[in-house]
């Protein structure tokens, strides 16, 4: 199992994005978690839009959980 580090974070008024990479990362694999704010009458809540795996020479794939995305990324990298 690879170690994962949080490599980047970005926040907007209604969106947030976190980028995770495995260490070592010879295949250029990145997992990105996107969250979106949903307005409610009582305020607002954050909902996860998805966890996306990006890798060189592969199509990006969406997963429902971060753990699933990390497992798939580890398989791509051969870890």
Protein backbone atom coordinates (compact mmCIF):
# COMPACT_ATOMS: atom_id res chain seq x y z
CA UNK A 1 0.00 0.00 0.00
CA UNK A 2 1.41 3.39 -1.00
CA UNK A 3 1.64 6.41 1.25
CA UNK A 4 -0.58 9.29 0.15
CA UNK A 5 0.12 12.97 0.64
CA UNK A 6 -2.14 15.96 0.18
CA UNK A 7 -0.35 17.90 -2.55
CA UNK A 8 -2.75 20.79 -3.23
CA UNK A 9 -5.93 22.40 -1.92
CA UNK A 10 -8.08 25.09 -3.46
CA UNK A 11 -11.20 26.74 -2.12
CA UNK A 12 -13.83 28.93 -3.69
CA UNK A 13 -17.11 30.32 -2.44
CA UNK A 14 -19.03 27.19 -3.38
CA UNK A 15 -16.35 24.63 -4.35
CA UNK A 16 -13.33 22.99 -2.80
CA UNK A 17 -10.77 20.70 -4.35
CA UNK A 18 -8.08 18.50 -2.77
CA UNK A 19 -5.37 16.73 -4.72
CA UNK A 20 -3.65 13.59 -3.41
CA UNK A 21 -0.58 11.84 -4.87
CA UNK A 22 1.09 8.56 -3.86
CA UNK A 23 4.73 8.46 -2.80
CA UNK A 24 6.64 7.40 -4.88
CA UNK A 25 4.72 8.39 -8.03
CA UNK A 26 6.55 7.17 -11.17
CA UNK A 27 3.34 6.93 -13.24
CA UNK A 28 1.97 10.43 -12.62
CA UNK A 29 -1.18 9.27 -10.79
CA UNK A 30 -3.32 11.91 -9.06
CA UNK A 31 -6.57 11.57 -7.09
CA UNK A 32 -8.71 14.72 -6.94
CA UNK A 33 -11.64 15.14 -4.54
CA UNK A 34 -14.21 17.77 -5.50
CA UNK A 35 -16.79 19.13 -3.08
CA UNK A 36 -19.62 21.56 -3.74
CA UNK A 37 -21.68 23.68 -1.35
CA UNK A 38 -25.42 23.11 -1.40
CA UNK A 39 -27.64 25.88 -0.09
CA UNK A 40 -30.36 24.88 2.35
CA UNK A 41 -32.91 26.98 4.21
CA UNK A 42 -30.93 26.37 7.42
CA UNK A 43 -27.58 27.35 5.87
CA UNK A 44 -25.35 25.34 3.61
CA UNK A 45 -23.76 21.89 3.52
CA UNK A 46 -20.82 20.44 1.63
CA UNK A 47 -21.48 17.49 -0.67
CA UNK A 48 -18.77 15.46 -2.37
CA UNK A 49 -19.19 15.48 -6.15
CA UNK A 50 -16.73 12.64 -6.62
CA UNK A 51 -13.18 11.36 -6.39
CA UNK A 52 -11.42 11.34 -9.75
CA UNK A 53 -8.31 9.35 -10.70
CA UNK A 54 -6.08 10.96 -13.31
CA UNK A 55 -3.08 9.15 -14.79
CA UNK A 56 -0.91 9.55 -17.85
CA UNK A 57 -2.16 7.48 -20.80
CA UNK A 58 -5.41 6.54 -18.99
CA UNK A 59 -8.95 7.87 -19.01
CA UNK A 60 -10.04 9.69 -15.85
CA UNK A 61 -12.45 7.67 -13.73
CA UNK A 62 -14.89 8.82 -11.04
CA UNK A 63 -15.33 6.94 -7.74
CA UNK A 64 -17.74 7.45 -4.85
CA UNK A 65 -15.18 7.04 -2.05
CA UNK A 66 -11.62 8.21 -1.65
CA UNK A 67 -10.48 4.73 -0.58
CA UNK A 68 -11.82 3.16 -3.82
CA UNK A 69 -10.06 5.80 -5.89
CA UNK A 70 -6.79 5.26 -4.03
CA UNK A 71 -7.00 1.47 -4.48
CA UNK A 72 -7.55 1.85 -8.22
CA UNK A 73 -4.67 4.33 -8.48
CA UNK A 74 -2.38 1.89 -6.65
CA UNK A 75 -3.31 -0.83 -9.16
CA UNK A 76 -2.42 1.52 -12.03
CA UNK A 77 0.94 2.21 -10.44
CA UNK A 78 1.65 -1.44 -9.72
CA UNK A 79 1.94 -0.95 -5.93
